[in-house]
Amino acid sequence: MPDPWQQAAADIRAASPDTVMYTGGGLTQPIEIRVIWTDAPGDPFQGPGSTTRTVTAEIACADLPERPARSDRLERDGITWQPKQATYDDNVDAWQTVLEKVA
């Protein structure tokens, strides 16, 4: 029987409208996967002018054979992203992946 947290996270991802085309992660070819996408204000800092944003994607471990790496690519709405940091969350069996735009 699956863990209730993992099942709830899987249900949320399945209902999520957010999909990305993922390349890398041990995949033999790019695939479209559902993620939980977050674009939130970053940590505050002192100084005028700039604001920061933190963009993340929660990716089910079952969707990727390998841990997300900087060489991987996610494309969403015509913008290409790369993993900056990936942390495993065993509560939901997913990678919490901080992203940055590919220049």
Protein backbone atom coordinates (compact mmCIF):
# COMPACT_ATOMS: atom_id res chain seq x y z
CA MET A 1 0.00 0.00 0.00
CA PRO A 2 1.48 3.38 -1.00
CA ASP A 3 2.35 5.99 1.60
CA PRO A 4 -0.58 8.46 1.90
CA TRP A 5 1.71 11.49 1.36
CA GLN A 6 3.20 9.95 -1.76
CA GLN A 7 -0.24 9.07 -3.09
CA ALA A 8 -1.54 12.59 -2.42
CA ALA A 9 1.48 14.12 -4.20
CA ALA A 10 0.99 11.76 -7.15
CA ASP A 11 -2.69 12.79 -7.35
CA ILE A 12 -1.74 16.49 -7.30
CA ARG A 13 0.88 16.01 -10.02
CA ALA A 14 -1.61 14.06 -12.14
CA ALA A 15 -4.10 16.91 -11.85
CA SER A 16 -1.49 19.61 -12.44
CA PRO A 17 -1.83 21.59 -15.65
CA ASP A 18 1.95 22.14 -15.65
CA THR A 19 3.84 20.01 -18.12
CA VAL A 20 7.42 20.27 -19.33
CA MET A 21 9.39 18.63 -22.09
CA TYR A 22 12.26 17.00 -20.20
CA THR A 23 15.60 16.10 -21.77
CA GLY A 24 18.28 14.27 -19.77
CA GLY A 25 17.79 12.60 -16.41
CA GLY A 26 18.80 9.25 -17.87
CA LEU A 27 16.02 9.35 -20.46
CA THR A 28 16.77 7.96 -23.92
CA GLN A 29 14.68 10.68 -25.56
CA PRO A 30 12.83 13.84 -24.47
CA ILE A 31 9.44 13.21 -22.86
CA GLU A 32 6.60 15.34 -21.62
CA ILE A 33 6.04 15.02 -17.88
CA ARG A 34 3.69 16.64 -15.37
CA VAL A 35 5.33 18.66 -12.62
CA ILE A 36 4.28 20.93 -9.80
CA TRP A 37 5.65 24.30 -10.96
CA THR A 38 6.32 27.12 -8.51
CA ASP A 39 7.44 30.66 -9.25
CA ALA A 40 7.72 32.54 -5.97
CA PRO A 41 9.55 35.54 -4.54
CA GLY A 42 13.11 34.70 -3.55
CA ASP A 43 14.70 35.50 -0.22
CA PRO A 44 14.72 39.22 0.56
CA PHE A 45 18.01 41.06 0.40
CA GLN A 46 19.16 44.57 1.15
CA GLY A 47 19.63 47.00 -1.67
CA PRO A 48 17.49 48.97 -4.07
CA GLY A 49 16.26 47.92 -7.45
CA SER A 50 16.25 44.20 -8.05
CA THR A 51 13.92 41.51 -6.89
CA THR A 52 14.60 37.82 -7.06
CA ARG A 53 12.37 34.90 -8.00
CA THR A 54 12.79 31.23 -7.19
CA VAL A 55 11.44 28.87 -9.83
CA THR A 56 11.07 25.21 -8.88
CA ALA A 57 9.61 22.05 -10.33
CA GLU A 58 8.62 19.04 -8.26
CA ILE A 59 9.34 15.99 -10.41
CA ALA A 60 8.21 12.49 -9.49
CA CYS A 61 11.17 10.13 -9.12
CA ALA A 62 9.21 7.57 -11.13
CA ASP A 63 9.41 9.91 -14.14
CA LEU A 64 13.21 10.08 -14.26
CA PRO A 65 15.68 7.19 -14.14
CA GLU A 66 18.38 9.50 -12.70
CA ARG A 67 18.69 12.50 -10.39
CA PRO A 68 18.20 15.82 -12.26
CA ALA A 69 21.55 17.33 -13.32
CA ARG A 70 22.69 20.74 -14.60
CA SER A 71 23.05 19.28 -18.09
CA ASP A 72 19.31 18.36 -18.18
CA ARG A 73 16.80 20.67 -19.85
CA LEU A 74 13.16 21.45 -19.17
CA GLU A 75 11.14 23.40 -21.70
CA ARG A 76 7.94 25.13 -20.62
CA ASP A 77 6.00 27.78 -22.55
CA GLY A 78 8.90 28.26 -24.97
CA ILE A 79 11.46 28.91 -22.20
CA THR A 80 14.29 26.47 -21.52
CA TRP A 81 15.35 25.82 -17.92
CA GLN A 82 18.10 23.78 -16.30
CA PRO A 83 18.27 22.28 -12.83
CA LYS A 84 20.41 24.35 -10.49
CA GLN A 85 19.85 22.14 -7.46
CA ALA A 86 17.87 18.93 -6.90
CA THR A 87 16.90 17.67 -3.48
CA TYR A 88 15.14 14.37 -2.84
CA ASP A 89 11.95 14.61 -0.77
CA ASP A 90 11.18 11.15 0.56
CA ASN A 91 7.80 12.33 1.90
CA VAL A 92 6.46 12.54 -1.65
CA ASP A 93 9.10 10.49 -3.55
CA ALA A 94 10.00 13.44 -5.74
CA TRP A 95 12.87 15.71 -6.73
CA GLN A 96 12.45 19.29 -5.51
CA THR A 97 14.36 21.01 -8.30
CA VAL A 98 15.42 24.66 -8.27
CA LEU A 99 15.66 25.93 -11.85
CA GLU A 100 17.41 28.67 -13.76
CA LYS A 101 16.83 29.93 -17.29
CA VAL A 102 19.24 28.73 -19.93
CA ALA A 103 20.90 31.72 -21.58
